[in-house]
N, C-alpha and C. Protein backbone atom coordinates (compact mmCIF):
# COMPACT_ATOMS: atom_id res chain seq x y z
N MET A 1 5.36 -0.59 -18.28
CA MET A 1 5.21 -2.61 -18.12
C MET A 1 6.52 -3.17 -18.61
N VAL A 2 7.21 -3.60 -17.43
CA VAL A 2 8.39 -4.39 -17.32
C VAL A 2 8.02 -5.56 -18.31
N ILE A 3 7.99 -6.57 -17.13
CA ILE A 3 7.06 -7.88 -17.36
C ILE A 3 5.51 -8.39 -16.97
N ASN A 4 4.72 -8.69 -18.35
CA ASN A 4 3.70 -8.84 -18.22
C ASN A 4 3.22 -10.14 -17.55
N LYS A 5 1.76 -10.52 -17.19
CA LYS A 5 1.49 -11.48 -16.57
C LYS A 5 1.90 -12.75 -17.57
N GLU A 6 1.53 -13.37 -18.96
CA GLU A 6 2.23 -14.06 -19.60
C GLU A 6 3.43 -14.25 -19.28
N GLN A 7 4.33 -13.53 -19.07
CA GLN A 7 5.58 -13.84 -19.09
C GLN A 7 6.41 -13.89 -17.43
N ILE A 8 5.53 -13.81 -16.69
CA ILE A 8 6.02 -13.58 -15.18
C ILE A 8 6.81 -14.84 -14.72
N GLU A 9 6.51 -16.23 -15.54
CA GLU A 9 6.87 -17.38 -15.03
C GLU A 9 8.18 -17.45 -15.60
N ASN A 10 8.98 -16.54 -16.33
CA ASN A 10 9.88 -16.58 -16.88
C ASN A 10 11.11 -16.14 -16.38
N TYR A 11 10.70 -15.50 -14.75
CA TYR A 11 11.33 -14.53 -13.99
C TYR A 11 11.27 -14.97 -12.51
N ILE A 12 10.57 -15.57 -11.95
CA ILE A 12 10.18 -16.54 -10.87
C ILE A 12 10.15 -17.76 -10.49
N PRO A 13 10.51 -18.91 -9.63
CA PRO A 13 10.43 -20.21 -9.68
C PRO A 13 9.00 -20.90 -9.22
N GLN A 14 8.05 -20.26 -8.89
CA GLN A 14 6.96 -20.37 -8.43
C GLN A 14 6.11 -21.01 -9.85
N ARG A 15 4.90 -21.30 -9.82
CA ARG A 15 4.19 -21.81 -10.58
C ARG A 15 2.61 -22.23 -10.18
N ALA A 16 1.52 -22.33 -11.07
CA ALA A 16 0.44 -21.61 -10.30
C ALA A 16 -0.48 -22.84 -9.77
N PRO A 17 -1.04 -22.95 -8.64
CA PRO A 17 -1.71 -21.74 -7.88
C PRO A 17 -0.88 -20.98 -7.36
N PHE A 18 0.56 -20.86 -7.15
CA PHE A 18 1.16 -20.10 -6.17
C PHE A 18 1.80 -18.93 -6.59
N ILE A 19 1.54 -18.50 -8.14
CA ILE A 19 1.66 -17.55 -8.41
C ILE A 19 1.15 -16.22 -7.77
N MET A 20 1.94 -15.28 -7.09
CA MET A 20 1.43 -13.97 -6.51
C MET A 20 1.59 -12.83 -6.98
N ILE A 21 1.89 -12.78 -8.05
CA ILE A 21 2.34 -11.37 -8.70
C ILE A 21 1.80 -11.65 -10.44
N ASP A 22 1.10 -10.46 -10.91
CA ASP A 22 0.57 -10.46 -12.04
C ASP A 22 1.79 -9.91 -12.97
N ASN A 23 2.15 -8.59 -12.55
CA ASN A 23 2.74 -7.58 -13.53
C ASN A 23 4.21 -7.24 -12.84
N LEU A 24 5.40 -6.89 -13.14
CA LEU A 24 6.17 -6.33 -12.96
C LEU A 24 5.93 -4.68 -13.66
N VAL A 25 5.75 -3.68 -12.74
CA VAL A 25 5.43 -2.56 -13.46
C VAL A 25 6.58 -1.71 -13.81
N GLU A 26 7.14 -1.30 -12.70
CA GLU A 26 8.69 -0.65 -12.60
C GLU A 26 9.53 -1.30 -12.26
N ALA A 27 10.76 -1.20 -12.32
CA ALA A 27 12.19 -1.67 -12.37
C ALA A 27 13.03 -0.84 -12.58
N SER A 28 14.03 -0.44 -11.51
CA SER A 28 15.32 0.36 -11.58
C SER A 28 16.07 -0.43 -10.40
N ALA A 29 17.62 0.40 -10.44
CA ALA A 29 18.43 -0.33 -9.74
C ALA A 29 18.00 -1.20 -8.47
N ASP A 30 17.00 0.00 -7.23
CA ASP A 30 17.04 0.04 -6.36
C ASP A 30 15.21 0.40 -5.53
N ARG A 31 14.50 0.00 -6.86
CA ARG A 31 13.28 -0.16 -6.53
C ARG A 31 12.39 -0.72 -7.99
N PHE A 32 11.30 -1.56 -6.88
CA PHE A 32 10.45 -2.54 -7.62
C PHE A 32 8.90 -2.46 -7.71
N LYS A 33 8.13 -2.49 -8.20
CA LYS A 33 6.77 -2.05 -8.05
C LYS A 33 5.96 -3.19 -8.90
N THR A 34 4.96 -4.17 -8.48
CA THR A 34 4.61 -4.98 -9.15
C THR A 34 3.10 -4.76 -8.83
N ASP A 35 1.86 -5.62 -9.46
CA ASP A 35 0.59 -5.22 -8.95
C ASP A 35 0.19 -6.53 -9.18
N PHE A 36 -0.97 -7.37 -8.40
CA PHE A 36 -1.53 -8.60 -8.10
C PHE A 36 -3.21 -8.19 -8.12
N LEU A 37 -4.21 -9.03 -8.57
CA LEU A 37 -5.51 -9.12 -8.95
C LEU A 37 -5.96 -10.27 -8.29
N VAL A 38 -6.61 -9.45 -7.00
CA VAL A 38 -6.68 -11.16 -5.90
C VAL A 38 -7.90 -11.79 -6.66
N LEU A 39 -7.61 -13.06 -7.23
CA LEU A 39 -9.48 -13.15 -7.86
C LEU A 39 -10.28 -14.35 -6.97
N PRO A 40 -11.35 -14.63 -7.26
CA PRO A 40 -12.34 -15.90 -6.67
C PRO A 40 -11.03 -16.83 -7.25
N GLY A 41 -11.19 -18.06 -5.85
CA GLY A 41 -10.35 -19.45 -5.94
C GLY A 41 -9.17 -19.14 -5.88
N ASN A 42 -8.43 -18.21 -5.30
CA ASN A 42 -6.98 -18.18 -5.17
C ASN A 42 -7.00 -19.23 -3.78
N ILE A 43 -5.37 -19.63 -3.78
CA ILE A 43 -5.60 -21.02 -2.69
C ILE A 43 -5.80 -20.60 -1.41
N PHE A 44 -4.94 -18.94 -1.56
CA PHE A 44 -4.89 -18.43 0.31
C PHE A 44 -6.04 -17.35 0.35
N LEU A 45 -7.24 -17.69 -0.22
CA LEU A 45 -8.18 -16.97 0.50
C LEU A 45 -8.33 -17.85 1.39
N GLU A 46 -9.37 -17.39 2.48
CA GLU A 46 -10.05 -17.64 3.68
C GLU A 46 -10.94 -16.81 4.30
N ASP A 47 -12.68 -16.81 4.11
CA ASP A 47 -13.63 -15.89 4.18
C ASP A 47 -13.58 -14.55 3.38
N GLY A 48 -13.49 -14.96 2.15
CA GLY A 48 -13.00 -13.54 1.06
C GLY A 48 -11.95 -12.88 1.56
N MET A 49 -11.24 -13.07 2.09
CA MET A 49 -9.78 -12.21 1.97
C MET A 49 -8.49 -13.05 2.08
N LEU A 50 -7.80 -12.63 1.24
CA LEU A 50 -6.52 -13.08 1.29
C LEU A 50 -5.66 -12.86 2.23
N ARG A 51 -4.94 -14.03 2.99
CA ARG A 51 -3.92 -14.00 4.08
C ARG A 51 -2.98 -13.74 4.18
N GLU A 52 -2.16 -13.46 5.33
CA GLU A 52 -1.01 -12.73 5.47
C GLU A 52 0.11 -13.20 4.49
N TYR A 53 -0.04 -14.41 5.05
CA TYR A 53 0.95 -15.57 4.15
C TYR A 53 1.19 -15.09 2.95
N ALA A 54 0.24 -15.18 2.03
CA ALA A 54 0.20 -14.55 0.34
C ALA A 54 0.67 -13.12 0.15
N LEU A 55 0.52 -11.79 1.13
CA LEU A 55 1.10 -10.84 0.91
C LEU A 55 2.38 -11.07 0.78
N ILE A 56 2.87 -11.72 2.14
CA ILE A 56 4.75 -12.06 2.70
C ILE A 56 4.83 -12.68 0.99
N GLU A 57 4.09 -13.88 0.47
CA GLU A 57 4.66 -14.39 -0.42
C GLU A 57 4.86 -13.46 -1.99
N ASN A 58 3.92 -12.33 -1.91
CA ASN A 58 3.79 -11.41 -2.88
C ASN A 58 5.17 -10.56 -2.94
N ILE A 59 5.53 -10.28 -1.56
CA ILE A 59 6.43 -9.31 -1.77
C ILE A 59 7.67 -10.18 -1.90
N ALA A 60 7.93 -11.34 -1.68
CA ALA A 60 9.12 -12.21 -1.82
C ALA A 60 8.93 -12.57 -3.54
N GLN A 61 7.55 -12.47 -3.91
CA GLN A 61 7.83 -12.81 -5.43
C GLN A 61 8.10 -11.14 -6.42
N SER A 62 7.95 -10.19 -5.63
CA SER A 62 8.06 -8.88 -6.54
C SER A 62 9.43 -9.03 -6.59
N SER A 63 10.03 -9.14 -4.89
CA SER A 63 11.61 -8.70 -5.07
C SER A 63 12.40 -9.81 -5.97
N SER A 64 12.14 -11.03 -6.22
CA SER A 64 12.81 -11.81 -6.81
C SER A 64 12.45 -11.67 -8.59
N ALA A 65 11.42 -10.86 -8.65
CA ALA A 65 11.54 -10.70 -10.33
C ALA A 65 12.11 -9.25 -10.43
N GLY A 66 12.05 -8.50 -9.79
CA GLY A 66 12.68 -7.09 -9.95
C GLY A 66 14.14 -7.36 -9.43
N LEU A 67 14.56 -8.14 -9.16
CA LEU A 67 15.84 -8.37 -8.89
C LEU A 67 16.52 -9.48 -10.14
N ALA A 68 15.78 -10.31 -10.74
CA ALA A 68 16.03 -10.85 -11.57
C ALA A 68 16.10 -10.19 -12.70
N ILE A 69 15.08 -9.30 -13.25
CA ILE A 69 15.58 -8.24 -14.19
C ILE A 69 16.60 -7.73 -13.90
N THR A 70 16.78 -6.74 -12.83
CA THR A 70 18.23 -6.35 -12.65
C THR A 70 19.56 -7.01 -12.92
N VAL A 71 19.41 -8.35 -12.55
CA VAL A 71 20.61 -9.33 -12.06
C VAL A 71 20.79 -9.35 -13.93
N MET A 72 19.72 -9.70 -14.77
CA MET A 72 19.78 -10.16 -16.54
C MET A 72 20.54 -9.05 -17.17
N SER A 73 20.12 -7.66 -16.50
CA SER A 73 20.49 -6.40 -17.73
C SER A 73 21.91 -6.44 -17.57
N THR A 74 22.45 -6.16 -16.04
CA THR A 74 23.79 -6.21 -15.76
C THR A 74 24.80 -7.37 -15.82
N LYS A 75 24.02 -8.38 -16.05
CA LYS A 75 25.00 -9.76 -15.92
C LYS A 75 24.80 -10.79 -17.14
N GLY A 76 23.99 -10.47 -17.20
CA GLY A 76 23.37 -10.90 -18.70
C GLY A 76 22.97 -12.53 -18.33
N LYS A 77 23.18 -13.17 -17.44
CA LYS A 77 22.40 -14.16 -17.00
C LYS A 77 21.31 -14.42 -15.96
N ASN A 78 20.52 -15.26 -16.25
CA ASN A 78 19.54 -15.84 -15.35
C ASN A 78 19.81 -15.78 -13.90
N ALA A 79 18.60 -15.29 -12.76
CA ALA A 79 18.97 -14.81 -11.53
C ALA A 79 18.09 -16.51 -10.87
N ASP A 80 19.13 -16.82 -9.34
CA ASP A 80 18.65 -17.62 -8.62
C ASP A 80 18.93 -17.78 -7.79
N GLY A 81 18.15 -17.58 -6.65
CA GLY A 81 18.25 -17.01 -5.05
C GLY A 81 16.99 -17.90 -4.12
N PHE A 82 17.36 -17.55 -3.30
CA PHE A 82 16.29 -18.19 -2.20
C PHE A 82 16.00 -16.69 -0.65
N ILE A 83 15.34 -17.20 -0.41
CA ILE A 83 14.98 -16.19 0.81
C ILE A 83 15.63 -16.58 2.18
N GLY A 84 16.58 -15.94 2.71
CA GLY A 84 17.34 -16.12 4.14
C GLY A 84 16.14 -15.85 5.17
N ALA A 85 15.85 -14.73 5.29
CA ALA A 85 14.64 -14.21 6.61
C ALA A 85 13.81 -13.59 5.94
N ILE A 86 12.64 -13.25 7.11
CA ILE A 86 11.85 -12.64 6.52
C ILE A 86 11.68 -11.74 8.08
N SER A 87 11.76 -10.43 8.34
CA SER A 87 11.55 -9.82 9.68
C SER A 87 11.25 -8.47 9.58
N LYS A 88 10.93 -7.97 10.62
CA LYS A 88 10.11 -6.75 10.72
C LYS A 88 8.77 -6.27 10.11
N MET A 89 8.21 -7.50 10.22
CA MET A 89 6.73 -7.36 9.61
C MET A 89 5.90 -7.20 10.50
N LYS A 90 4.90 -5.98 9.92
CA LYS A 90 3.82 -5.51 10.75
C LYS A 90 2.94 -5.78 9.56
N LEU A 91 1.46 -6.06 9.95
CA LEU A 91 0.34 -6.40 9.36
C LEU A 91 -0.60 -5.22 9.60
N TYR A 92 -1.37 -4.66 8.52
CA TYR A 92 -2.05 -3.58 8.79
C TYR A 92 -3.61 -3.93 8.62
N SER A 93 -3.68 -4.82 7.59
CA SER A 93 -5.39 -5.06 6.75
C SER A 93 -5.18 -6.16 6.16
N LEU A 94 -6.05 -6.71 5.55
CA LEU A 94 -5.80 -7.97 4.26
C LEU A 94 -7.21 -7.30 3.63
N PRO A 95 -6.27 -7.76 2.37
CA PRO A 95 -7.13 -7.71 1.00
C PRO A 95 -8.64 -8.19 0.73
N ARG A 96 -9.21 -7.97 0.08
CA ARG A 96 -10.59 -9.07 -0.65
C ARG A 96 -10.36 -9.13 -1.96
N VAL A 97 -11.24 -10.27 -2.04
CA VAL A 97 -11.46 -10.79 -3.34
C VAL A 97 -11.79 -9.27 -4.35
N HIS A 98 -11.10 -9.52 -5.97
CA HIS A 98 -11.44 -8.37 -6.58
C HIS A 98 -10.27 -7.02 -6.12
N ASP A 99 -9.78 -7.17 -5.14
CA ASP A 99 -9.05 -5.80 -4.75
C ASP A 99 -7.45 -6.33 -5.24
N THR A 100 -6.92 -4.98 -5.65
CA THR A 100 -5.57 -4.96 -6.76
C THR A 100 -4.58 -4.32 -5.50
N ILE A 101 -3.57 -5.36 -5.69
CA ILE A 101 -2.39 -5.28 -4.55
C ILE A 101 -1.61 -4.51 -5.45
N ILE A 102 -0.70 -3.53 -4.87
CA ILE A 102 0.00 -2.60 -5.32
C ILE A 102 1.60 -3.24 -4.47
N THR A 103 2.38 -3.80 -4.97
CA THR A 103 3.59 -3.50 -3.93
C THR A 103 4.85 -3.13 -4.49
N ILE A 104 5.31 -2.54 -3.40
CA ILE A 104 6.54 -1.79 -3.76
C ILE A 104 7.72 -2.26 -2.65
N ILE A 105 8.89 -2.54 -3.32
CA ILE A 105 10.09 -2.74 -3.09
C ILE A 105 11.46 -2.28 -3.02
N HIS A 106 11.69 -1.89 -1.84
CA HIS A 106 13.16 -0.85 -2.17
C HIS A 106 13.94 -1.77 -1.61
N LEU A 107 15.45 -1.80 -2.49
CA LEU A 107 16.00 -2.30 -2.23
C LEU A 107 17.25 -1.39 -0.94
N LEU A 108 17.62 -1.97 0.05
CA LEU A 108 18.18 -1.44 1.24
C LEU A 108 19.83 -1.40 1.27
N VAL A 109 20.14 -2.91 0.86
CA VAL A 109 21.60 -2.75 1.23
C VAL A 109 21.72 -4.38 0.15
N GLN A 110 22.84 -4.13 -0.20
CA GLN A 110 23.49 -5.10 -1.50
C GLN A 110 24.81 -5.42 -0.90
N PHE A 111 25.33 -6.58 -0.68
CA PHE A 111 26.42 -6.81 -0.23
C PHE A 111 27.15 -8.07 -1.39
N GLU A 112 27.61 -7.98 -2.02
CA GLU A 112 27.79 -9.30 -3.31
C GLU A 112 26.38 -9.71 -3.84
N ASN A 113 26.24 -11.11 -3.62
CA ASN A 113 24.91 -11.86 -3.92
C ASN A 113 23.98 -11.90 -2.67
N MET A 114 24.01 -11.10 -1.95
CA MET A 114 23.35 -10.83 -0.94
C MET A 114 22.33 -9.37 -0.81
N PHE A 115 20.83 -9.81 -0.30
CA PHE A 115 20.07 -8.27 -0.36
C PHE A 115 19.45 -8.35 0.58
N LEU A 116 18.95 -7.00 1.07
CA LEU A 116 18.42 -6.91 1.72
C LEU A 116 17.35 -5.76 1.29
N LEU A 117 15.92 -5.95 1.31
CA LEU A 117 14.82 -5.35 0.76
C LEU A 117 13.43 -5.18 1.80
N LYS A 118 12.96 -3.77 1.39
CA LYS A 118 11.85 -3.83 2.15
C LYS A 118 10.59 -3.98 1.33
N GLY A 119 9.56 -4.30 1.62
CA GLY A 119 8.50 -4.30 0.81
C GLY A 119 7.32 -3.72 1.92
N GLU A 120 6.82 -3.30 0.63
CA GLU A 120 4.85 -3.18 1.08
C GLU A 120 4.11 -3.02 0.34
N ASN A 121 2.91 -3.97 0.97
CA ASN A 121 1.69 -4.32 -0.15
C ASN A 121 0.59 -2.77 0.31
N TYR A 122 0.17 -2.64 -0.74
CA TYR A 122 -0.64 -1.57 -0.96
C TYR A 122 -2.29 -1.85 -1.51
N SER A 123 -3.42 -1.66 -1.24
CA SER A 123 -4.62 -1.92 -1.57
C SER A 123 -5.26 -0.73 -1.46
N ASN A 124 -6.09 -0.16 -2.78
CA ASN A 124 -7.02 1.09 -2.62
C ASN A 124 -6.56 2.56 -1.92
N GLY A 125 -4.89 2.12 -1.75
CA GLY A 125 -4.14 3.22 -1.46
C GLY A 125 -3.60 3.25 0.72
N ASN A 126 -4.22 1.96 1.09
CA ASN A 126 -3.79 1.84 2.30
C ASN A 126 -2.97 0.52 2.23
N LEU A 127 -1.59 1.08 3.22
CA LEU A 127 -1.34 -0.12 3.65
C LEU A 127 -1.61 -1.15 4.45
N LEU A 128 -1.10 -2.43 3.70
CA LEU A 128 -1.57 -3.62 4.01
C LEU A 128 -0.46 -4.49 5.09
N LEU A 129 0.73 -4.69 4.68
CA LEU A 129 1.78 -5.33 5.36
C LEU A 129 2.65 -4.78 4.85
N GLU A 130 3.53 -4.66 5.85
CA GLU A 130 5.39 -4.26 5.41
C GLU A 130 6.35 -5.33 6.10
N CYS A 131 7.32 -5.89 5.76
CA CYS A 131 8.30 -6.34 5.80
C CYS A 131 9.85 -6.03 5.19
N GLU A 132 10.78 -6.57 6.00
CA GLU A 132 11.76 -7.22 5.44
C GLU A 132 12.21 -8.14 5.19
N ILE A 133 12.69 -8.26 4.13
CA ILE A 133 13.06 -9.70 3.28
C ILE A 133 14.66 -9.62 3.08
N LYS A 134 15.46 -10.54 3.69
CA LYS A 134 16.90 -11.16 2.96
C LYS A 134 16.86 -12.07 1.52
N LEU A 135 17.62 -12.14 0.62
CA LEU A 135 17.65 -12.55 -0.45
C LEU A 135 18.86 -12.97 -1.13
N ALA A 136 19.23 -14.39 -1.09
CA ALA A 136 20.84 -14.53 -1.62
C ALA A 136 20.69 -15.57 -2.62
N GLY A 137 21.98 -15.25 -3.26
CA GLY A 137 22.10 -15.95 -4.75
C GLY A 137 21.77 -15.33 -5.95
N MET A 138 21.39 -14.33 -5.84
CA MET A 138 21.20 -13.83 -7.07
C MET A 138 21.82 -13.77 -8.16
């Protein structure tokens, strides 16, 4: 475990009830992995299913947390950035209450402080959503 649920707010700008990741499970220079348990009462639930915009937010937060750890370990400073674009999104399925989402982020390209990442959400071994996300300013 790289960052646990109790510490995650130190690495992403979101605050409850908008936090869509629990733990940063793995982090390397080009790959991050997070988990998130969908609990009753989540603000993005509709008819017992977590909506696609929550999955996109999960990918964005997973990317931010992973890059924050990477930037802090290499540059010794806090990371701060913003989303430049989300593209190539494909939705396959939506998770239900009590499902655990595993998100895997791959760093595709980095140019100075601009990052192109690919994110994928999984639950019960099934791909839920995939997209590319551009982040800047980390």
